[in-house]
Amino acid sequence: MSQEQNRKLWRALRVAPGPVDPDELDALWADLAVVEASALLGSWRGFAFPTGHPLERLLARSRWHGKRFVTLHDAKPLICRAEDGTLHSDTKAGKGEASLWNVEFRGEVTATMVYDGMPVFDHFKRVDEQTLMGVMNGKPDLVLADGRHFYFGLEREPEPKPEPKPEPQSQPHPEPEPEPEPDGHRV
């Protein structure tokens, strides 16, 4: 498929109410371009493809928002929304945090998040500059459901705009003192 056909299929699968056939996701994955780990830095909003994988329910219960890649060695796999609406890294559910590497998966080297506290890998491929497809891999009893991987998507969040710096307030300039008259007196 062409890149435009891949994006069109992605958009259709993205909004599908489910269930999405994992074979379609496998085929799309095979067609997408690999991505370098360094290209992932930033914050990403996540969603699960509705395939019926048990991790969908787990992530929904945890109020999963997405992932944040601060540096290659500082990745936050489970950014979740608290009851008060704030975002936090759920290190308890993720058993720590993670790091980014370029790792071979299905015969291709692509960006991969390696969890610190469990034998799990999230592999990524590029849909476009702002969108990634992810597939979770690792110990089969942890990540596979009926022999199927968990598929998800990530959409880059806009970088927060820096707070505008206040304009320096101009200081009032003192009035110049009048020049002395020739006789030495000021006017």
N, C-alpha and C. Protein backbone atom coordinates (compact mmCIF):
# COMPACT_ATOMS: atom_id res chain seq x y z
N MET A 1 0.84 -1.19 0.00
CA MET A 1 0.00 0.00 0.00
C MET A 1 0.88 1.25 0.00
N SER A 2 0.34 2.32 -0.52
CA SER A 2 1.06 3.59 -0.50
C SER A 2 0.91 4.23 0.88
N GLN A 3 1.73 5.23 1.13
CA GLN A 3 1.65 5.93 2.42
C GLN A 3 0.26 6.55 2.60
N GLU A 4 -0.31 7.10 1.52
CA GLU A 4 -1.64 7.70 1.61
C GLU A 4 -2.70 6.64 1.89
N GLN A 5 -2.58 5.46 1.29
CA GLN A 5 -3.53 4.38 1.56
C GLN A 5 -3.40 3.91 3.01
N ASN A 6 -2.15 3.86 3.51
CA ASN A 6 -1.94 3.49 4.92
C ASN A 6 -2.62 4.50 5.84
N ARG A 7 -2.46 5.79 5.55
CA ARG A 7 -3.09 6.82 6.40
C ARG A 7 -4.62 6.71 6.35
N LYS A 8 -5.15 6.42 5.16
CA LYS A 8 -6.60 6.29 5.01
C LYS A 8 -7.10 5.09 5.84
N LEU A 9 -6.41 3.96 5.74
CA LEU A 9 -6.78 2.79 6.53
C LEU A 9 -6.64 3.09 8.02
N TRP A 10 -5.56 3.77 8.40
CA TRP A 10 -5.35 4.15 9.80
C TRP A 10 -6.53 4.95 10.33
N ARG A 11 -6.95 5.96 9.55
CA ARG A 11 -8.07 6.80 9.99
C ARG A 11 -9.34 5.97 10.17
N ALA A 12 -9.58 5.04 9.26
CA ALA A 12 -10.78 4.19 9.36
C ALA A 12 -10.71 3.30 10.60
N LEU A 13 -9.54 2.69 10.84
CA LEU A 13 -9.39 1.83 12.01
C LEU A 13 -9.43 2.65 13.30
N ARG A 14 -8.93 3.87 13.23
CA ARG A 14 -8.87 4.75 14.41
C ARG A 14 -10.27 5.05 14.95
N VAL A 15 -11.24 5.20 14.07
CA VAL A 15 -12.59 5.56 14.50
C VAL A 15 -13.54 4.36 14.54
N ALA A 16 -13.05 3.18 14.17
CA ALA A 16 -13.90 2.00 14.16
C ALA A 16 -14.41 1.70 15.57
N PRO A 17 -15.72 1.46 15.72
CA PRO A 17 -16.24 1.18 17.06
C PRO A 17 -15.81 -0.19 17.56
N GLY A 18 -15.35 -1.04 16.69
CA GLY A 18 -14.87 -2.36 17.08
C GLY A 18 -15.87 -3.43 16.73
N PRO A 19 -15.50 -4.65 16.82
CA PRO A 19 -14.10 -5.02 17.03
C PRO A 19 -13.29 -4.86 15.75
N VAL A 20 -12.02 -4.49 15.93
CA VAL A 20 -11.08 -4.40 14.82
C VAL A 20 -10.38 -5.74 14.71
N ASP A 21 -10.26 -6.25 13.49
CA ASP A 21 -9.62 -7.53 13.24
C ASP A 21 -8.10 -7.38 13.41
N PRO A 22 -7.49 -8.13 14.33
CA PRO A 22 -6.04 -8.03 14.52
C PRO A 22 -5.25 -8.34 13.25
N ASP A 23 -5.81 -9.14 12.34
CA ASP A 23 -5.12 -9.40 11.08
C ASP A 23 -4.96 -8.13 10.26
N GLU A 24 -5.97 -7.24 10.30
CA GLU A 24 -5.86 -5.95 9.61
C GLU A 24 -4.75 -5.11 10.23
N LEU A 25 -4.65 -5.15 11.55
CA LEU A 25 -3.61 -4.39 12.24
C LEU A 25 -2.24 -4.96 11.93
N ASP A 26 -2.12 -6.29 11.87
CA ASP A 26 -0.85 -6.92 11.50
C ASP A 26 -0.43 -6.47 10.10
N ALA A 27 -1.38 -6.46 9.16
CA ALA A 27 -1.07 -6.07 7.77
C ALA A 27 -0.66 -4.60 7.69
N LEU A 28 -1.38 -3.75 8.40
CA LEU A 28 -1.02 -2.32 8.40
C LEU A 28 0.37 -2.14 9.00
N TRP A 29 0.64 -2.80 10.13
CA TRP A 29 1.95 -2.70 10.77
C TRP A 29 3.06 -3.05 9.77
N ALA A 30 2.88 -4.12 9.03
CA ALA A 30 3.90 -4.58 8.09
C ALA A 30 4.18 -3.55 7.01
N ASP A 31 3.20 -2.72 6.69
CA ASP A 31 3.34 -1.72 5.62
C ASP A 31 3.92 -0.38 6.09
N LEU A 32 3.91 -0.12 7.37
CA LEU A 32 4.35 1.19 7.87
C LEU A 32 5.87 1.30 7.92
N ALA A 33 6.34 2.54 7.93
CA ALA A 33 7.77 2.83 7.99
C ALA A 33 8.28 2.71 9.43
N VAL A 34 9.51 2.22 9.56
CA VAL A 34 10.14 2.19 10.89
C VAL A 34 10.44 3.62 11.31
N VAL A 35 10.72 3.79 12.59
CA VAL A 35 11.01 5.12 13.14
C VAL A 35 12.18 4.99 14.11
N GLU A 36 13.02 6.01 14.16
CA GLU A 36 14.14 6.05 15.10
C GLU A 36 13.65 6.44 16.49
N ALA A 37 14.25 5.85 17.51
CA ALA A 37 13.86 6.14 18.89
C ALA A 37 13.94 7.63 19.20
N SER A 38 14.95 8.31 18.72
CA SER A 38 15.12 9.74 19.02
C SER A 38 13.99 10.60 18.46
N ALA A 39 13.26 10.11 17.46
CA ALA A 39 12.16 10.87 16.87
C ALA A 39 10.91 10.86 17.75
N LEU A 40 10.90 10.05 18.82
CA LEU A 40 9.72 9.92 19.65
C LEU A 40 9.66 10.91 20.80
N LEU A 41 10.75 11.63 21.06
CA LEU A 41 10.77 12.50 22.23
C LEU A 41 9.60 13.47 22.21
N GLY A 42 8.96 13.59 23.37
CA GLY A 42 7.79 14.46 23.50
C GLY A 42 6.66 13.71 24.18
N SER A 43 5.49 14.34 24.18
CA SER A 43 4.30 13.76 24.82
C SER A 43 3.34 13.27 23.75
N TRP A 44 2.71 12.13 24.03
CA TRP A 44 1.84 11.47 23.07
C TRP A 44 0.53 11.07 23.74
N ARG A 45 -0.57 11.31 23.07
CA ARG A 45 -1.89 10.88 23.52
C ARG A 45 -2.13 9.49 22.96
N GLY A 46 -2.58 8.56 23.79
CA GLY A 46 -2.72 7.19 23.34
C GLY A 46 -4.15 6.70 23.28
N PHE A 47 -4.36 5.64 22.52
CA PHE A 47 -5.64 4.96 22.47
C PHE A 47 -5.39 3.50 22.10
N ALA A 48 -6.28 2.64 22.51
CA ALA A 48 -6.20 1.21 22.19
C ALA A 48 -7.13 0.92 21.02
N PHE A 49 -6.66 0.08 20.10
CA PHE A 49 -7.56 -0.40 19.06
C PHE A 49 -8.50 -1.41 19.69
N PRO A 50 -9.80 -1.31 19.41
CA PRO A 50 -10.78 -2.21 20.05
C PRO A 50 -10.80 -3.61 19.43
N THR A 51 -9.85 -4.43 19.84
CA THR A 51 -9.76 -5.80 19.33
C THR A 51 -10.33 -6.82 20.32
N GLY A 52 -10.62 -6.37 21.54
CA GLY A 52 -11.06 -7.28 22.59
C GLY A 52 -9.92 -7.77 23.47
N HIS A 53 -8.71 -7.24 23.26
CA HIS A 53 -7.56 -7.62 24.09
C HIS A 53 -7.81 -7.16 25.53
N PRO A 54 -7.50 -7.99 26.52
CA PRO A 54 -7.75 -7.61 27.93
C PRO A 54 -7.05 -6.33 28.37
N LEU A 55 -5.94 -5.97 27.74
CA LEU A 55 -5.25 -4.74 28.14
C LEU A 55 -6.08 -3.49 27.87
N GLU A 56 -7.03 -3.57 26.94
CA GLU A 56 -7.92 -2.43 26.68
C GLU A 56 -8.66 -2.04 27.95
N ARG A 57 -9.23 -3.03 28.63
CA ARG A 57 -10.00 -2.77 29.86
C ARG A 57 -9.08 -2.27 30.98
N LEU A 58 -7.90 -2.87 31.09
CA LEU A 58 -6.95 -2.46 32.11
C LEU A 58 -6.55 -0.99 31.94
N LEU A 59 -6.26 -0.60 30.70
CA LEU A 59 -5.87 0.79 30.45
C LEU A 59 -7.04 1.75 30.67
N ALA A 60 -8.24 1.33 30.32
CA ALA A 60 -9.42 2.18 30.55
C ALA A 60 -9.62 2.40 32.05
N ARG A 61 -9.46 1.35 32.85
CA ARG A 61 -9.62 1.48 34.31
C ARG A 61 -8.56 2.40 34.90
N SER A 62 -7.36 2.37 34.33
CA SER A 62 -6.28 3.21 34.87
C SER A 62 -6.37 4.65 34.36
N ARG A 63 -7.33 4.91 33.47
CA ARG A 63 -7.51 6.25 32.87
C ARG A 63 -6.25 6.65 32.10
N TRP A 64 -5.76 5.69 31.30
CA TRP A 64 -4.55 5.91 30.51
C TRP A 64 -4.74 7.08 29.56
N HIS A 65 -3.79 7.98 29.58
CA HIS A 65 -3.81 9.17 28.71
C HIS A 65 -2.84 8.99 27.55
N GLY A 66 -1.66 8.44 27.83
CA GLY A 66 -0.66 8.28 26.77
C GLY A 66 0.72 7.98 27.33
N LYS A 67 1.74 8.45 26.59
CA LYS A 67 3.14 8.20 26.96
C LYS A 67 3.91 9.51 26.85
N ARG A 68 4.99 9.60 27.62
CA ARG A 68 5.86 10.78 27.54
C ARG A 68 7.30 10.28 27.47
N PHE A 69 8.00 10.73 26.43
CA PHE A 69 9.39 10.38 26.23
C PHE A 69 10.22 11.63 26.46
N VAL A 70 10.81 11.76 27.64
CA VAL A 70 11.57 12.95 28.01
C VAL A 70 12.95 12.90 27.36
N THR A 71 13.64 11.78 27.53
CA THR A 71 14.92 11.51 26.88
C THR A 71 14.91 10.02 26.51
N LEU A 72 15.95 9.56 25.85
CA LEU A 72 15.99 8.14 25.51
C LEU A 72 15.99 7.24 26.75
N HIS A 73 16.49 7.75 27.86
CA HIS A 73 16.56 6.95 29.08
C HIS A 73 15.55 7.36 30.13
N ASP A 74 14.60 8.20 29.75
CA ASP A 74 13.55 8.65 30.66
C ASP A 74 12.22 8.64 29.92
N ALA A 75 11.62 7.44 29.88
CA ALA A 75 10.33 7.26 29.21
C ALA A 75 9.27 6.90 30.24
N LYS A 76 8.12 7.51 30.10
CA LYS A 76 7.02 7.29 31.02
C LYS A 76 5.89 6.59 30.24
N PRO A 77 5.78 5.25 30.41
CA PRO A 77 4.86 4.49 29.57
C PRO A 77 3.39 4.64 29.91
N LEU A 78 3.10 4.96 31.16
CA LEU A 78 1.71 5.01 31.59
C LEU A 78 1.39 6.38 32.19
N ILE A 79 1.15 7.35 31.32
CA ILE A 79 0.68 8.65 31.79
C ILE A 79 -0.83 8.51 31.93
N CYS A 80 -1.32 8.70 33.17
CA CYS A 80 -2.74 8.49 33.46
C CYS A 80 -3.34 9.76 34.03
N ARG A 81 -4.66 9.86 33.93
CA ARG A 81 -5.38 11.03 34.42
C ARG A 81 -5.95 10.71 35.80
N ALA A 82 -5.61 11.52 36.77
CA ALA A 82 -6.12 11.35 38.14
C ALA A 82 -7.58 11.83 38.20
N GLU A 83 -8.24 11.54 39.30
CA GLU A 83 -9.63 11.98 39.49
C GLU A 83 -9.78 13.48 39.36
N ASP A 84 -8.76 14.24 39.78
CA ASP A 84 -8.84 15.70 39.72
C ASP A 84 -8.46 16.25 38.34
N GLY A 85 -8.16 15.36 37.39
CA GLY A 85 -7.85 15.79 36.03
C GLY A 85 -6.37 15.97 35.73
N THR A 86 -5.53 15.90 36.76
CA THR A 86 -4.09 16.06 36.52
C THR A 86 -3.51 14.78 35.94
N LEU A 87 -2.39 14.93 35.25
CA LEU A 87 -1.71 13.79 34.66
C LEU A 87 -0.54 13.37 35.55
N HIS A 88 -0.31 12.06 35.63
CA HIS A 88 0.80 11.54 36.41
C HIS A 88 1.33 10.26 35.77
N SER A 89 2.56 9.92 36.07
CA SER A 89 3.16 8.67 35.59
C SER A 89 2.82 7.58 36.60
N ASP A 90 2.09 6.56 36.15
CA ASP A 90 1.67 5.47 37.03
C ASP A 90 2.79 4.43 37.09
N THR A 91 3.75 4.67 37.97
CA THR A 91 4.90 3.78 38.10
C THR A 91 4.53 2.48 38.81
N LYS A 92 3.43 2.49 39.55
CA LYS A 92 3.01 1.26 40.23
C LYS A 92 2.51 0.25 39.20
N ALA A 93 1.59 0.66 38.35
CA ALA A 93 1.05 -0.26 37.34
C ALA A 93 2.12 -0.66 36.33
N GLY A 94 3.00 0.29 35.98
CA GLY A 94 4.04 0.00 35.01
C GLY A 94 5.28 -0.64 35.60
N LYS A 95 5.27 -0.82 36.93
CA LYS A 95 6.42 -1.39 37.65
C LYS A 95 7.70 -0.62 37.33
N GLY A 96 7.58 0.69 37.43
CA GLY A 96 8.71 1.57 37.11
C GLY A 96 8.40 2.34 35.84
N GLU A 97 9.46 2.79 35.20
CA GLU A 97 9.27 3.53 33.96
C GLU A 97 9.94 2.77 32.83
N ALA A 98 10.61 3.44 31.91
CA ALA A 98 11.13 2.74 30.73
C ALA A 98 12.22 3.55 30.05
N SER A 99 12.76 3.01 28.96
CA SER A 99 13.74 3.71 28.13
C SER A 99 13.46 3.36 26.67
N LEU A 100 14.01 4.17 25.77
CA LEU A 100 13.80 3.96 24.33
C LEU A 100 15.06 3.40 23.68
N TRP A 101 14.86 2.44 22.79
CA TRP A 101 15.95 1.80 22.06
C TRP A 101 15.49 1.54 20.63
N ASN A 102 16.41 1.27 19.75
CA ASN A 102 16.10 0.77 18.42
C ASN A 102 16.31 -0.74 18.48
N VAL A 103 15.24 -1.51 18.28
CA VAL A 103 15.25 -2.95 18.50
C VAL A 103 14.61 -3.65 17.30
N GLU A 104 15.12 -4.84 16.98
CA GLU A 104 14.53 -5.61 15.89
C GLU A 104 13.24 -6.28 16.35
N PHE A 105 12.22 -6.16 15.52
CA PHE A 105 10.93 -6.81 15.74
C PHE A 105 10.37 -7.17 14.37
N ARG A 106 10.02 -8.40 14.18
CA ARG A 106 9.49 -8.89 12.91
C ARG A 106 10.41 -8.54 11.73
N GLY A 107 11.72 -8.65 11.96
CA GLY A 107 12.69 -8.46 10.89
C GLY A 107 13.08 -7.04 10.58
N GLU A 108 12.60 -6.07 11.35
CA GLU A 108 12.93 -4.67 11.12
C GLU A 108 13.40 -4.03 12.43
N VAL A 109 14.35 -3.12 12.34
CA VAL A 109 14.79 -2.38 13.52
C VAL A 109 13.96 -1.10 13.58
N THR A 110 13.28 -0.91 14.70
CA THR A 110 12.43 0.26 14.88
C THR A 110 12.46 0.71 16.34
N ALA A 111 11.96 1.90 16.60
CA ALA A 111 11.92 2.45 17.97
C ALA A 111 11.13 1.51 18.86
N THR A 112 11.67 1.28 20.07
CA THR A 112 11.04 0.36 21.01
C THR A 112 11.22 0.90 22.42
N MET A 113 10.13 0.87 23.18
CA MET A 113 10.19 1.25 24.58
C MET A 113 10.35 -0.02 25.40
N VAL A 114 11.40 -0.07 26.22
CA VAL A 114 11.70 -1.22 27.06
C VAL A 114 11.32 -0.86 28.49
N TYR A 115 10.37 -1.59 29.05
CA TYR A 115 9.92 -1.33 30.42
C TYR A 115 11.03 -1.71 31.41
N ASP A 116 11.18 -0.90 32.46
CA ASP A 116 12.21 -1.16 33.46
C ASP A 116 11.88 -2.36 34.34
N GLY A 117 10.60 -2.55 34.70
CA GLY A 117 10.26 -3.52 35.73
C GLY A 117 9.54 -4.76 35.27
N MET A 118 9.38 -4.94 33.97
CA MET A 118 8.72 -6.16 33.49
C MET A 118 9.19 -6.47 32.08
N PRO A 119 9.13 -7.75 31.67
CA PRO A 119 9.63 -8.15 30.36
C PRO A 119 8.64 -7.80 29.24
N VAL A 120 8.51 -6.48 28.99
CA VAL A 120 7.56 -5.98 28.01
C VAL A 120 8.25 -4.94 27.14
N PHE A 121 7.91 -4.97 25.85
CA PHE A 121 8.43 -4.02 24.87
C PHE A 121 7.26 -3.43 24.10
N ASP A 122 7.27 -2.14 23.90
CA ASP A 122 6.33 -1.49 22.99
C ASP A 122 7.12 -1.08 21.76
N HIS A 123 6.81 -1.66 20.61
CA HIS A 123 7.47 -1.33 19.35
C HIS A 123 6.62 -0.29 18.63
N PHE A 124 7.28 0.61 17.88
CA PHE A 124 6.58 1.70 17.20
C PHE A 124 6.96 1.78 15.74
N LYS A 125 5.97 2.15 14.92
CA LYS A 125 6.20 2.48 13.51
C LYS A 125 5.45 3.76 13.20
N ARG A 126 5.92 4.46 12.17
CA ARG A 126 5.39 5.78 11.83
C ARG A 126 4.21 5.67 10.86
N VAL A 127 3.10 6.32 11.23
CA VAL A 127 1.98 6.50 10.31
C VAL A 127 2.23 7.79 9.54
N ASP A 128 2.57 8.85 10.28
CA ASP A 128 2.99 10.13 9.72
C ASP A 128 3.80 10.86 10.80
N GLU A 129 4.14 12.10 10.56
CA GLU A 129 5.01 12.84 11.50
C GLU A 129 4.40 13.00 12.89
N GLN A 130 3.09 12.94 12.99
CA GLN A 130 2.41 13.18 14.26
C GLN A 130 1.75 11.93 14.84
N THR A 131 1.92 10.78 14.17
CA THR A 131 1.15 9.59 14.55
C THR A 131 2.02 8.35 14.51
N LEU A 132 1.90 7.53 15.56
CA LEU A 132 2.63 6.27 15.64
C LEU A 132 1.66 5.12 15.87
N MET A 133 2.01 3.96 15.34
CA MET A 133 1.30 2.73 15.68
C MET A 133 2.20 1.96 16.63
N GLY A 134 1.63 1.40 17.67
CA GLY A 134 2.38 0.63 18.64
C GLY A 134 1.86 -0.78 18.75
N VAL A 135 2.77 -1.70 19.04
CA VAL A 135 2.39 -3.08 19.32
C VAL A 135 3.18 -3.54 20.54
N MET A 136 2.47 -4.09 21.52
CA MET A 136 3.12 -4.56 22.74
C MET A 136 3.58 -5.99 22.54
N ASN A 137 4.81 -6.24 22.97
CA ASN A 137 5.44 -7.53 22.81
C ASN A 137 6.13 -7.88 24.13
N GLY A 138 6.43 -9.13 24.34
CA GLY A 138 7.14 -9.53 25.54
C GLY A 138 6.79 -10.96 25.91
N LYS A 139 6.92 -11.27 27.19
CA LYS A 139 6.58 -12.62 27.65
C LYS A 139 5.13 -12.90 27.27
N PRO A 140 4.89 -14.02 26.58
CA PRO A 140 3.54 -14.30 26.09
C PRO A 140 2.45 -14.26 27.16
N ASP A 141 2.72 -14.78 28.36
CA ASP A 141 1.68 -14.79 29.39
C ASP A 141 1.34 -13.39 29.90
N LEU A 142 2.20 -12.40 29.62
CA LEU A 142 1.93 -11.02 30.04
C LEU A 142 1.23 -10.20 28.97
N VAL A 143 1.55 -10.43 27.71
CA VAL A 143 1.08 -9.50 26.67
C VAL A 143 0.20 -10.11 25.59
N LEU A 144 0.22 -11.42 25.42
CA LEU A 144 -0.58 -12.01 24.36
C LEU A 144 -1.94 -12.46 24.89
N ALA A 145 -2.96 -12.29 24.06
CA ALA A 145 -4.30 -12.78 24.37
C ALA A 145 -4.72 -13.64 23.19
N ASP A 146 -4.91 -14.92 23.43
CA ASP A 146 -5.22 -15.87 22.35
C ASP A 146 -4.18 -15.77 21.23
N GLY A 147 -2.92 -15.60 21.63
CA GLY A 147 -1.83 -15.52 20.66
C GLY A 147 -1.72 -14.19 19.93
N ARG A 148 -2.52 -13.20 20.34
CA ARG A 148 -2.56 -11.90 19.66
C ARG A 148 -1.89 -10.81 20.49
N HIS A 149 -1.19 -9.93 19.79
CA HIS A 149 -0.57 -8.78 20.44
C HIS A 149 -1.61 -7.70 20.72
N PHE A 150 -1.23 -6.78 21.59
CA PHE A 150 -2.04 -5.60 21.89
C PHE A 150 -1.56 -4.47 20.98
N TYR A 151 -2.48 -3.89 20.22
CA TYR A 151 -2.17 -2.77 19.32
C TYR A 151 -2.75 -1.48 19.86
N PHE A 152 -2.00 -0.40 19.67
CA PHE A 152 -2.45 0.91 20.12
C PHE A 152 -1.89 1.98 19.20
N GLY A 153 -2.40 3.19 19.38
CA GLY A 153 -1.93 4.33 18.60
C GLY A 153 -1.49 5.44 19.51
N LEU A 154 -0.59 6.27 19.00
CA LEU A 154 -0.13 7.46 19.71
C LEU A 154 -0.20 8.65 18.76
N GLU A 155 -0.71 9.76 19.27
CA GLU A 155 -0.79 11.00 18.49
C GLU A 155 -0.05 12.07 19.27
N ARG A 156 0.91 12.71 18.59
CA ARG A 156 1.76 13.71 19.26
C ARG A 156 0.91 14.85 19.81
N GLU A 157 1.18 15.19 21.07
CA GLU A 157 0.51 16.33 21.68
C GLU A 157 1.30 17.59 21.38
N PRO A 158 0.61 18.71 21.22
CA PRO A 158 1.35 19.95 20.98
C PRO A 158 2.24 20.28 22.17
N GLU A 159 3.41 20.80 21.86
CA GLU A 159 4.30 21.23 22.93
C GLU A 159 3.65 22.39 23.67
N PRO A 160 3.73 22.41 24.99
CA PRO A 160 3.14 23.55 25.72
C PRO A 160 3.84 24.83 25.30
N LYS A 161 3.02 25.85 25.10
CA LYS A 161 3.59 27.14 24.74
C LYS A 161 4.22 27.75 25.97
N PRO A 162 5.42 28.32 25.82
CA PRO A 162 6.05 28.94 26.98
C PRO A 162 5.23 30.16 27.42
N GLU A 163 5.25 30.37 28.71
CA GLU A 163 4.57 31.54 29.25
C GLU A 163 5.18 32.79 28.63
N PRO A 164 4.35 33.71 28.18
CA PRO A 164 4.94 34.93 27.61
C PRO A 164 5.68 35.70 28.69
N LYS A 165 6.84 36.20 28.31
CA LYS A 165 7.61 36.99 29.26
C LYS A 165 6.98 38.38 29.33
N PRO A 166 6.85 38.92 30.55
CA PRO A 166 6.26 40.26 30.65
C PRO A 166 7.19 41.27 29.97
N GLU A 167 6.54 42.22 29.33
CA GLU A 167 7.30 43.30 28.70
C GLU A 167 8.01 44.08 29.80
N PRO A 168 9.27 44.41 29.56
CA PRO A 168 9.92 45.23 30.58
C PRO A 168 9.22 46.58 30.65
N GLN A 169 8.90 46.97 31.85
CA GLN A 169 8.22 48.25 32.00
C GLN A 169 9.26 49.35 31.91
N SER A 170 8.91 50.33 31.11
CA SER A 170 9.88 51.42 30.94
C SER A 170 9.90 52.26 32.21
N GLN A 171 11.07 52.59 32.58
CA GLN A 171 11.25 53.43 33.76
C GLN A 171 11.06 54.88 33.34
N PRO A 172 10.34 55.64 34.13
CA PRO A 172 10.19 57.05 33.75
C PRO A 172 11.57 57.71 33.79
N HIS A 173 11.84 58.44 32.75
CA HIS A 173 13.12 59.14 32.69
C HIS A 173 12.98 60.46 33.43
N PRO A 174 13.93 60.77 34.29
CA PRO A 174 13.83 62.05 34.99
C PRO A 174 13.99 63.18 33.97
N GLU A 175 13.27 64.22 34.26
CA GLU A 175 13.37 65.40 33.39
C GLU A 175 14.79 65.92 33.48
N PRO A 176 15.34 66.25 32.34
CA PRO A 176 16.71 66.80 32.41
C PRO A 176 16.70 68.12 33.15
N GLU A 177 17.74 68.29 33.89
CA GLU A 177 17.84 69.57 34.61
C GLU A 177 18.14 70.67 33.62
N PRO A 178 17.53 71.84 33.85
CA PRO A 178 17.80 72.94 32.92
C PRO A 178 19.27 73.35 32.99
N GLU A 179 19.71 73.80 31.86
CA GLU A 179 21.10 74.27 31.78
C GLU A 179 21.23 75.54 32.64
N PRO A 180 22.34 75.71 33.33
CA PRO A 180 22.51 76.96 34.11
C PRO A 180 22.64 78.16 33.17
N GLU A 181 22.12 79.26 33.64
CA GLU A 181 22.25 80.53 32.91
C GLU A 181 23.71 80.94 32.97
N PRO A 182 24.09 81.80 32.07
CA PRO A 182 25.48 82.22 32.08
C PRO A 182 25.94 82.78 33.42
N ASP A 183 25.00 83.31 34.22
CA ASP A 183 25.42 83.86 35.51
C ASP A 183 25.52 82.78 36.58
N GLY A 184 25.27 81.45 36.18
CA GLY A 184 25.39 80.35 37.12
C GLY A 184 24.12 79.97 37.81
N HIS A 185 23.03 80.73 37.62
CA HIS A 185 21.75 80.43 38.24
C HIS A 185 20.91 79.51 37.34
N ARG A 186 20.15 78.70 37.99
CA ARG A 186 19.25 77.82 37.22
C ARG A 186 17.91 78.50 37.06
N VAL A 187 17.29 78.19 35.99
CA VAL A 187 15.99 78.77 35.75
C VAL A 187 14.88 77.88 36.22
